[in-house]
């Protein structure tokens, strides 16, 4: 079904591991898909006769999450040209950081970016990343809230012709409900963690969570929204695991 996926480097990911790749990927997938702690997964594995420490599962997640995000992107369906952009808050070492996120008008994920800053420069950097993504298209309209950083960012991008001059910036909290509702899934997943230990850990973990959310929405080719079987198959194929 997903035979065209790039499987280069899969073998090295699991080399010298004491657990089967299927067990490793299962734990990573569950952690990024459901509201579970590492200790929850340790207990769930113990019930199935698999003894694995929660710290080991943590290392698996940090190792494999970025790969899920990177390798799934070339297989995403094209999103539309109506962007919804907003930021939410993620706690890192007891300090709130800013998670920029964007979806289209159908709530399909465009991208995310974790930032220590909440200003025009950070917003502009996020827009540049969105425009470089292969599954996005140049926006006809960008809907944001009343954050003053967004007009500054858009003006800067139009000035250097990164963004088309005719792109409309629409500041409306009411019309941005789509992205605000979409934040809830990420907040639900990160709640059991009670904050991340480092910026590096947060960025890598969020990469896998966002990728799993994209899969759940049915954004990858040959996956339908609500079809959990094809979603599982897709993630397994990313790591070269046969069902």
C-alpha atoms as a PDB file:
ATOM      1  CA  UNK A   1       0.000   0.000   0.000  1.00  0.00           C
ATOM      2  CA  UNK A   2       2.816   2.379   0.902  1.00  0.00           C
ATOM      3  CA  UNK A   3       5.598   0.635  -0.976  1.00  0.00           C
ATOM      4  CA  UNK A   4       6.978   3.929  -2.315  1.00  0.00           C
ATOM      5  CA  UNK A   5       7.968   5.195   1.149  1.00  0.00           C
ATOM      6  CA  UNK A   6      11.647   5.994   1.693  1.00  0.00           C
ATOM      7  CA  UNK A   7      12.998   3.339   4.063  1.00  0.00           C
ATOM      8  CA  UNK A   8      16.676   4.345   3.935  1.00  0.00           C
ATOM      9  CA  UNK A   9      18.308   4.133   7.332  1.00  0.00           C
ATOM     10  CA  UNK A  10      15.579   2.031   8.966  1.00  0.00           C
ATOM     11  CA  UNK A  11      17.913  -0.814   9.854  1.00  0.00           C
ATOM     12  CA  UNK A  12      20.350   1.493  11.662  1.00  0.00           C
ATOM     13  CA  UNK A  13      17.548   2.924  13.815  1.00  0.00           C
ATOM     14  CA  UNK A  14      17.015  -0.452  15.480  1.00  0.00           C
ATOM     15  CA  UNK A  15      20.571  -1.776  15.413  1.00  0.00           C
ATOM     16  CA  UNK A  16      21.775  -3.113  18.784  1.00  0.00           C
ATOM     17  CA  UNK A  17      18.344  -2.574  20.336  1.00  0.00           C
ATOM     18  CA  UNK A  18      17.202  -5.199  22.845  1.00  0.00           C
ATOM     19  CA  UNK A  19      13.580  -5.004  21.710  1.00  0.00           C
ATOM     20  CA  UNK A  20      11.863  -5.849  18.460  1.00  0.00           C
ATOM     21  CA  UNK A  21      11.249  -2.887  16.131  1.00  0.00           C
ATOM     22  CA  UNK A  22       7.507  -3.614  16.359  1.00  0.00           C
ATOM     23  CA  UNK A  23       7.578  -3.063  20.133  1.00  0.00           C
ATOM     24  CA  UNK A  24       9.609   0.135  19.832  1.00  0.00           C
ATOM     25  CA  UNK A  25       7.414   1.675  17.146  1.00  0.00           C
ATOM     26  CA  UNK A  26       4.240   0.644  18.987  1.00  0.00           C
ATOM     27  CA  UNK A  27       5.317   2.539  22.102  1.00  0.00           C
ATOM     28  CA  UNK A  28       6.392   5.607  20.148  1.00  0.00           C
ATOM     29  CA  UNK A  29       3.143   5.618  18.183  1.00  0.00           C
ATOM     30  CA  UNK A  30       0.974   5.238  21.284  1.00  0.00           C
ATOM     31  CA  UNK A  31       2.851   7.976  23.129  1.00  0.00           C
ATOM     32  CA  UNK A  32       2.405  10.421  20.254  1.00  0.00           C
ATOM     33  CA  UNK A  33      -1.196   9.455  19.570  1.00  0.00           C
ATOM     34  CA  UNK A  34      -2.763   9.126  23.014  1.00  0.00           C
ATOM     35  CA  UNK A  35      -2.649  11.018  26.308  1.00  0.00           C
ATOM     36  CA  UNK A  36      -0.209   8.660  28.050  1.00  0.00           C
ATOM     37  CA  UNK A  37       2.819   9.080  30.259  1.00  0.00           C
ATOM     38  CA  UNK A  38       5.991   7.019  29.922  1.00  0.00           C
ATOM     39  CA  UNK A  39       5.091   5.211  33.132  1.00  0.00           C
ATOM     40  CA  UNK A  40       1.655   4.398  31.690  1.00  0.00           C
ATOM     41  CA  UNK A  41       3.363   2.712  28.757  1.00  0.00           C
ATOM     42  CA  UNK A  42       5.765   0.864  31.067  1.00  0.00           C
ATOM     43  CA  UNK A  43       2.781  -0.631  32.922  1.00  0.00           C
ATOM     44  CA  UNK A  44       0.921  -1.441  29.699  1.00  0.00           C
ATOM     45  CA  UNK A  45       3.951  -3.296  28.362  1.00  0.00           C
ATOM     46  CA  UNK A  46       4.360  -5.171  31.669  1.00  0.00           C
ATOM     47  CA  UNK A  47       0.772  -6.400  31.374  1.00  0.00           C
ATOM     48  CA  UNK A  48       1.766  -7.890  28.033  1.00  0.00           C
ATOM     49  CA  UNK A  49       4.849  -9.591  29.420  1.00  0.00           C
ATOM     50  CA  UNK A  50       7.339  -7.020  28.100  1.00  0.00           C
ATOM     51  CA  UNK A  51       9.626  -5.494  30.726  1.00  0.00           C
ATOM     52  CA  UNK A  52      10.804  -2.085  29.568  1.00  0.00           C
ATOM     53  CA  UNK A  53      11.733   0.901  31.716  1.00  0.00           C
ATOM     54  CA  UNK A  54       9.941   4.194  31.131  1.00  0.00           C
ATOM     55  CA  UNK A  55      13.301   5.932  30.587  1.00  0.00           C
ATOM     56  CA  UNK A  56      13.993   3.556  27.698  1.00  0.00           C
ATOM     57  CA  UNK A  57      10.673   4.462  26.079  1.00  0.00           C
ATOM     58  CA  UNK A  58      11.613   8.119  26.511  1.00  0.00           C
ATOM     59  CA  UNK A  59      14.819   7.532  24.551  1.00  0.00           C
ATOM     60  CA  UNK A  60      12.879   5.734  21.823  1.00  0.00           C
ATOM     61  CA  UNK A  61      10.528   8.686  21.434  1.00  0.00           C
ATOM     62  CA  UNK A  62      13.350  11.226  21.187  1.00  0.00           C
ATOM     63  CA  UNK A  63      15.149   9.017  18.652  1.00  0.00           C
ATOM     64  CA  UNK A  64      12.210   8.197  16.378  1.00  0.00           C
ATOM     65  CA  UNK A  65       9.837  11.158  16.603  1.00  0.00           C
ATOM     66  CA  UNK A  66      11.790  13.382  14.207  1.00  0.00           C
ATOM     67  CA  UNK A  67      11.886  10.562  11.649  1.00  0.00           C
ATOM     68  CA  UNK A  68       8.099  10.237  11.718  1.00  0.00           C
ATOM     69  CA  UNK A  69       7.777  13.946  11.016  1.00  0.00           C
ATOM     70  CA  UNK A  70      10.440  14.058   8.292  1.00  0.00           C
ATOM     71  CA  UNK A  71       9.572  10.929   6.344  1.00  0.00           C
ATOM     72  CA  UNK A  72       5.813  11.454   6.365  1.00  0.00           C
ATOM     73  CA  UNK A  73       5.915  14.917   4.780  1.00  0.00           C
ATOM     74  CA  UNK A  74       6.550  13.876   1.159  1.00  0.00           C
ATOM     75  CA  UNK A  75       3.381  11.766   1.295  1.00  0.00           C
ATOM     76  CA  UNK A  76       0.971  14.475   2.435  1.00  0.00           C
ATOM     77  CA  UNK A  77      -1.946  15.712   0.374  1.00  0.00           C
ATOM     78  CA  UNK A  78      -1.969  19.319  -0.770  1.00  0.00           C
ATOM     79  CA  UNK A  79      -3.609  21.765   1.628  1.00  0.00           C
ATOM     80  CA  UNK A  80      -5.712  24.739   0.498  1.00  0.00           C
ATOM     81  CA  UNK A  81      -4.790  28.431   0.243  1.00  0.00           C
ATOM     82  CA  UNK A  82      -6.715  29.705   3.272  1.00  0.00           C
ATOM     83  CA  UNK A  83      -4.375  29.658   6.265  1.00  0.00           C
ATOM     84  CA  UNK A  84      -5.270  29.852   9.948  1.00  0.00           C
ATOM     85  CA  UNK A  85      -2.285  30.755  12.135  1.00  0.00           C
ATOM     86  CA  UNK A  86      -2.069  31.015  15.916  1.00  0.00           C
ATOM     87  CA  UNK A  87       0.234  30.237  18.810  1.00  0.00           C
ATOM     88  CA  UNK A  88      -0.245  28.309  22.008  1.00  0.00           C
ATOM     89  CA  UNK A  89       1.956  27.797  25.046  1.00  0.00           C
ATOM     90  CA  UNK A  90       4.237  24.910  25.980  1.00  0.00           C
ATOM     91  CA  UNK A  91       6.143  24.760  29.260  1.00  0.00           C
ATOM     92  CA  UNK A  92       9.875  24.034  29.006  1.00  0.00           C
ATOM     93  CA  UNK A  93      11.901  23.837  32.241  1.00  0.00           C
ATOM     94  CA  UNK A  94       9.189  25.762  34.040  1.00  0.00           C
ATOM     95  CA  UNK A  95       9.120  28.579  31.471  1.00  0.00           C
ATOM     96  CA  UNK A  96       6.368  29.106  28.903  1.00  0.00           C
ATOM     97  CA  UNK A  97       7.509  28.907  25.277  1.00  0.00           C
ATOM     98  CA  UNK A  98       5.507  29.608  22.153  1.00  0.00           C
ATOM     99  CA  UNK A  99       4.251  26.914  19.819  1.00  0.00           C
ATOM    100  CA  UNK A 100       3.290  28.469  16.485  1.00  0.00           C
ATOM    101  CA  UNK A 101       0.846  26.303  14.582  1.00  0.00           C
ATOM    102  CA  UNK A 102      -1.035  26.619  11.295  1.00  0.00           C
ATOM    103  CA  UNK A 103      -3.897  24.768   9.604  1.00  0.00           C
ATOM    104  CA  UNK A 104      -5.930  25.435   6.491  1.00  0.00           C
ATOM    105  CA  UNK A 105      -9.667  26.209   6.453  1.00  0.00           C
ATOM    106  CA  UNK A 106     -10.430  22.459   6.579  1.00  0.00           C
ATOM    107  CA  UNK A 107      -8.262  22.046   9.716  1.00  0.00           C
ATOM    108  CA  UNK A 108      -5.502  20.208   7.827  1.00  0.00           C
ATOM    109  CA  UNK A 109      -2.156  20.804   9.485  1.00  0.00           C
ATOM    110  CA  UNK A 110       0.318  23.004   7.619  1.00  0.00           C
ATOM    111  CA  UNK A 111       3.212  23.064  10.080  1.00  0.00           C
ATOM    112  CA  UNK A 112       4.359  24.007  13.578  1.00  0.00           C
ATOM    113  CA  UNK A 113       7.330  25.777  15.124  1.00  0.00           C
ATOM    114  CA  UNK A 114       8.455  25.965  18.739  1.00  0.00           C
ATOM    115  CA  UNK A 115       9.949  29.342  19.565  1.00  0.00           C
ATOM    116  CA  UNK A 116      11.419  31.057  22.616  1.00  0.00           C
ATOM    117  CA  UNK A 117      10.251  34.411  21.226  1.00  0.00           C
ATOM    118  CA  UNK A 118       6.820  35.868  20.527  1.00  0.00           C
ATOM    119  CA  UNK A 119       7.485  38.681  18.084  1.00  0.00           C
ATOM    120  CA  UNK A 120       7.432  39.704  14.432  1.00  0.00           C
ATOM    121  CA  UNK A 121      10.750  38.029  13.668  1.00  0.00           C
ATOM    122  CA  UNK A 122       9.589  34.676  15.037  1.00  0.00           C
ATOM    123  CA  UNK A 123       6.279  34.945  13.155  1.00  0.00           C
ATOM    124  CA  UNK A 124       8.113  35.770   9.909  1.00  0.00           C
ATOM    125  CA  UNK A 125      10.388  32.765  10.377  1.00  0.00           C
ATOM    126  CA  UNK A 126       7.353  30.542  10.827  1.00  0.00           C
ATOM    127  CA  UNK A 127       5.713  31.911   7.664  1.00  0.00           C
ATOM    128  CA  UNK A 128       8.889  31.215   5.711  1.00  0.00           C
ATOM    129  CA  UNK A 129       8.853  27.603   6.892  1.00  0.00           C
ATOM    130  CA  UNK A 130       5.209  27.268   5.868  1.00  0.00           C
ATOM    131  CA  UNK A 131       5.927  28.582   2.380  1.00  0.00           C
ATOM    132  CA  UNK A 132       8.799  26.092   1.898  1.00  0.00           C
ATOM    133  CA  UNK A 133       6.701  23.044   2.789  1.00  0.00           C
ATOM    134  CA  UNK A 134       5.920  20.779  -0.175  1.00  0.00           C
ATOM    135  CA  UNK A 135       2.289  20.162   0.866  1.00  0.00           C
ATOM    136  CA  UNK A 136       1.317  23.843   1.196  1.00  0.00           C
ATOM    137  CA  UNK A 137       0.542  26.452  -1.425  1.00  0.00           C
ATOM    138  CA  UNK A 138       0.896  30.223  -1.499  1.00  0.00           C
ATOM    139  CA  UNK A 139      -1.879  31.597   0.707  1.00  0.00           C
ATOM    140  CA  UNK A 140      -4.739  33.629  -0.686  1.00  0.00           C
ATOM    141  CA  UNK A 141      -5.647  34.750   2.833  1.00  0.00           C
ATOM    142  CA  UNK A 142      -3.984  34.366   6.241  1.00  0.00           C
ATOM    143  CA  UNK A 143      -6.298  34.560   9.241  1.00  0.00           C
ATOM    144  CA  UNK A 144      -4.701  35.417  12.581  1.00  0.00           C
ATOM    145  CA  UNK A 145      -5.757  36.882  15.924  1.00  0.00           C
ATOM    146  CA  UNK A 146      -5.019  40.429  17.121  1.00  0.00           C
ATOM    147  CA  UNK A 147      -1.369  39.696  17.880  1.00  0.00           C
ATOM    148  CA  UNK A 148       0.580  42.727  16.613  1.00  0.00           C
ATOM    149  CA  UNK A 149       3.492  40.512  15.517  1.00  0.00           C
ATOM    150  CA  UNK A 150       1.623  39.096  12.531  1.00  0.00           C
ATOM    151  CA  UNK A 151       1.167  42.326  10.511  1.00  0.00           C
ATOM    152  CA  UNK A 152       4.854  43.089  11.072  1.00  0.00           C
ATOM    153  CA  UNK A 153       5.834  39.647   9.780  1.00  0.00           C
ATOM    154  CA  UNK A 154       3.565  39.800   6.734  1.00  0.00           C
ATOM    155  CA  UNK A 155       4.788  43.275   5.787  1.00  0.00           C
ATOM    156  CA  UNK A 156       8.393  42.076   5.983  1.00  0.00           C
ATOM    157  CA  UNK A 157       7.686  39.046   3.782  1.00  0.00           C
ATOM    158  CA  UNK A 158       5.841  41.138   1.205  1.00  0.00           C
ATOM    159  CA  UNK A 159       8.679  43.669   1.178  1.00  0.00           C
ATOM    160  CA  UNK A 160      11.234  41.036   0.155  1.00  0.00           C
ATOM    161  CA  UNK A 161       8.685  39.366  -2.190  1.00  0.00           C
ATOM    162  CA  UNK A 162       8.658  36.109  -0.225  1.00  0.00           C
ATOM    163  CA  UNK A 163       4.904  36.549   0.104  1.00  0.00           C
ATOM    164  CA  UNK A 164       2.636  37.693  -2.740  1.00  0.00           C
ATOM    165  CA  UNK A 165       1.516  41.306  -2.468  1.00  0.00           C
ATOM    166  CA  UNK A 166      -2.123  40.340  -2.987  1.00  0.00           C
ATOM    167  CA  UNK A 167      -2.186  37.951  -0.006  1.00  0.00           C
ATOM    168  CA  UNK A 168      -4.774  39.198   2.464  1.00  0.00           C
ATOM    169  CA  UNK A 169      -4.024  39.322   6.186  1.00  0.00           C
ATOM    170  CA  UNK A 170      -7.252  38.971   8.137  1.00  0.00           C
ATOM    171  CA  UNK A 171      -7.162  39.608  11.881  1.00  0.00           C
ATOM    172  CA  UNK A 172     -10.226  37.989  13.403  1.00  0.00           C
ATOM    173  CA  UNK A 173     -10.315  35.942  16.594  1.00  0.00           C
ATOM    174  CA  UNK A 174     -13.769  34.563  15.713  1.00  0.00           C
ATOM    175  CA  UNK A 175     -12.687  33.326  12.270  1.00  0.00           C
ATOM    176  CA  UNK A 176      -9.616  31.722  13.805  1.00  0.00           C
ATOM    177  CA  UNK A 177     -11.618  29.237  15.864  1.00  0.00           C
ATOM    178  CA  UNK A 178     -10.471  26.414  13.573  1.00  0.00           C
ATOM    179  CA  UNK A 179      -6.857  26.623  14.729  1.00  0.00           C
ATOM    180  CA  UNK A 180      -7.803  27.341  18.349  1.00  0.00           C
ATOM    181  CA  UNK A 181      -9.869  24.147  18.397  1.00  0.00           C
ATOM    182  CA  UNK A 182      -6.977  22.268  16.796  1.00  0.00           C
ATOM    183  CA  UNK A 183      -4.657  23.300  19.645  1.00  0.00           C
ATOM    184  CA  UNK A 184      -6.709  21.120  21.996  1.00  0.00           C
ATOM    185  CA  UNK A 185      -5.241  17.865  20.715  1.00  0.00           C
ATOM    186  CA  UNK A 186      -1.662  18.978  21.362  1.00  0.00           C
ATOM    187  CA  UNK A 187      -2.574  20.344  24.792  1.00  0.00           C
ATOM    188  CA  UNK A 188      -4.285  17.039  25.621  1.00  0.00           C
ATOM    189  CA  UNK A 189      -1.196  15.048  24.637  1.00  0.00           C
ATOM    190  CA  UNK A 190       1.278  17.228  26.520  1.00  0.00           C
ATOM    191  CA  UNK A 191      -0.774  17.486  29.725  1.00  0.00           C
ATOM    192  CA  UNK A 192       0.543  14.230  31.317  1.00  0.00           C
ATOM    193  CA  UNK A 193       4.116  15.460  30.818  1.00  0.00           C
ATOM    194  CA  UNK A 194       3.729  18.497  33.089  1.00  0.00           C
ATOM    195  CA  UNK A 195       6.254  20.353  30.958  1.00  0.00           C
ATOM    196  CA  UNK A 196       9.359  19.386  28.984  1.00  0.00           C
ATOM    197  CA  UNK A 197      12.848  19.145  30.442  1.00  0.00           C
ATOM    198  CA  UNK A 198      14.557  20.964  27.580  1.00  0.00           C
ATOM    199  CA  UNK A 199      13.831  22.861  24.375  1.00  0.00           C
ATOM    200  CA  UNK A 200      15.489  20.063  22.390  1.00  0.00           C
ATOM    201  CA  UNK A 201      13.257  17.418  23.986  1.00  0.00           C
ATOM    202  CA  UNK A 202      10.132  19.489  23.414  1.00  0.00           C
ATOM    203  CA  UNK A 203      10.870  20.089  19.737  1.00  0.00           C
ATOM    204  CA  UNK A 204      11.622  16.440  18.972  1.00  0.00           C
ATOM    205  CA  UNK A 205       8.610  15.112  20.880  1.00  0.00           C
ATOM    206  CA  UNK A 206       6.224  17.628  19.336  1.00  0.00           C
ATOM    207  CA  UNK A 207       7.466  16.622  15.886  1.00  0.00           C
ATOM    208  CA  UNK A 208       6.123  13.100  16.406  1.00  0.00           C
ATOM    209  CA  UNK A 209       2.882  14.298  17.976  1.00  0.00           C
ATOM    210  CA  UNK A 210       2.146  16.653  15.111  1.00  0.00           C
ATOM    211  CA  UNK A 211       2.949  13.896  12.600  1.00  0.00           C
ATOM    212  CA  UNK A 212       0.567  11.505  14.327  1.00  0.00           C
ATOM    213  CA  UNK A 213      -2.106  14.203  14.335  1.00  0.00           C
ATOM    214  CA  UNK A 214      -1.623  14.643  10.590  1.00  0.00           C
ATOM    215  CA  UNK A 215      -2.022  10.892  10.122  1.00  0.00           C
ATOM    216  CA  UNK A 216      -5.154  10.867  12.291  1.00  0.00           C
ATOM    217  CA  UNK A 217      -6.668  13.607  10.129  1.00  0.00           C
ATOM    218  CA  UNK A 218      -6.128  11.476   7.033  1.00  0.00           C
ATOM    219  CA  UNK A 219      -3.761  13.963   5.372  1.00  0.00           C
ATOM    220  CA  UNK A 220      -1.323  11.331   4.101  1.00  0.00           C
ATOM    221  CA  UNK A 221      -2.021   9.815   0.706  1.00  0.00           C
ATOM    222  CA  UNK A 222      -4.097   6.612   0.787  1.00  0.00           C
ATOM    223  CA  UNK A 223      -5.234   7.258   4.368  1.00  0.00           C
ATOM    224  CA  UNK A 224      -8.797   8.176   5.197  1.00  0.00           C
ATOM    225  CA  UNK A 225      -9.793  10.160   8.250  1.00  0.00           C
ATOM    226  CA  UNK A 226     -10.994   7.767  10.928  1.00  0.00           C
ATOM    227  CA  UNK A 227      -9.352   4.748   9.293  1.00  0.00           C
ATOM    228  CA  UNK A 228      -7.108   3.676  12.164  1.00  0.00           C
ATOM    229  CA  UNK A 229      -5.891   0.534  10.392  1.00  0.00           C
ATOM    230  CA  UNK A 230      -4.379   2.442   7.463  1.00  0.00           C
ATOM    231  CA  UNK A 231      -2.901   4.996   9.869  1.00  0.00           C
ATOM    232  CA  UNK A 232      -1.083   2.262  11.771  1.00  0.00           C
ATOM    233  CA  UNK A 233       0.060   0.686   8.520  1.00  0.00           C
ATOM    234  CA  UNK A 234       1.429   4.025   7.325  1.00  0.00           C
ATOM    235  CA  UNK A 235       3.552   4.567  10.445  1.00  0.00           C
ATOM    236  CA  UNK A 236       4.840   0.985  10.363  1.00  0.00           C
ATOM    237  CA  UNK A 237       5.845   1.345   6.724  1.00  0.00           C
ATOM    238  CA  UNK A 238       7.806   4.506   7.577  1.00  0.00           C
ATOM    239  CA  UNK A 239      10.064   2.235   9.634  1.00  0.00           C
ATOM    240  CA  UNK A 240      10.017  -0.716   7.254  1.00  0.00           C
ATOM    241  CA  UNK A 241       7.883  -2.877   9.533  1.00  0.00           C
ATOM    242  CA  UNK A 242       5.508  -5.351   7.946  1.00  0.00           C
ATOM    243  CA  UNK A 243       2.047  -5.634   9.479  1.00  0.00           C
END
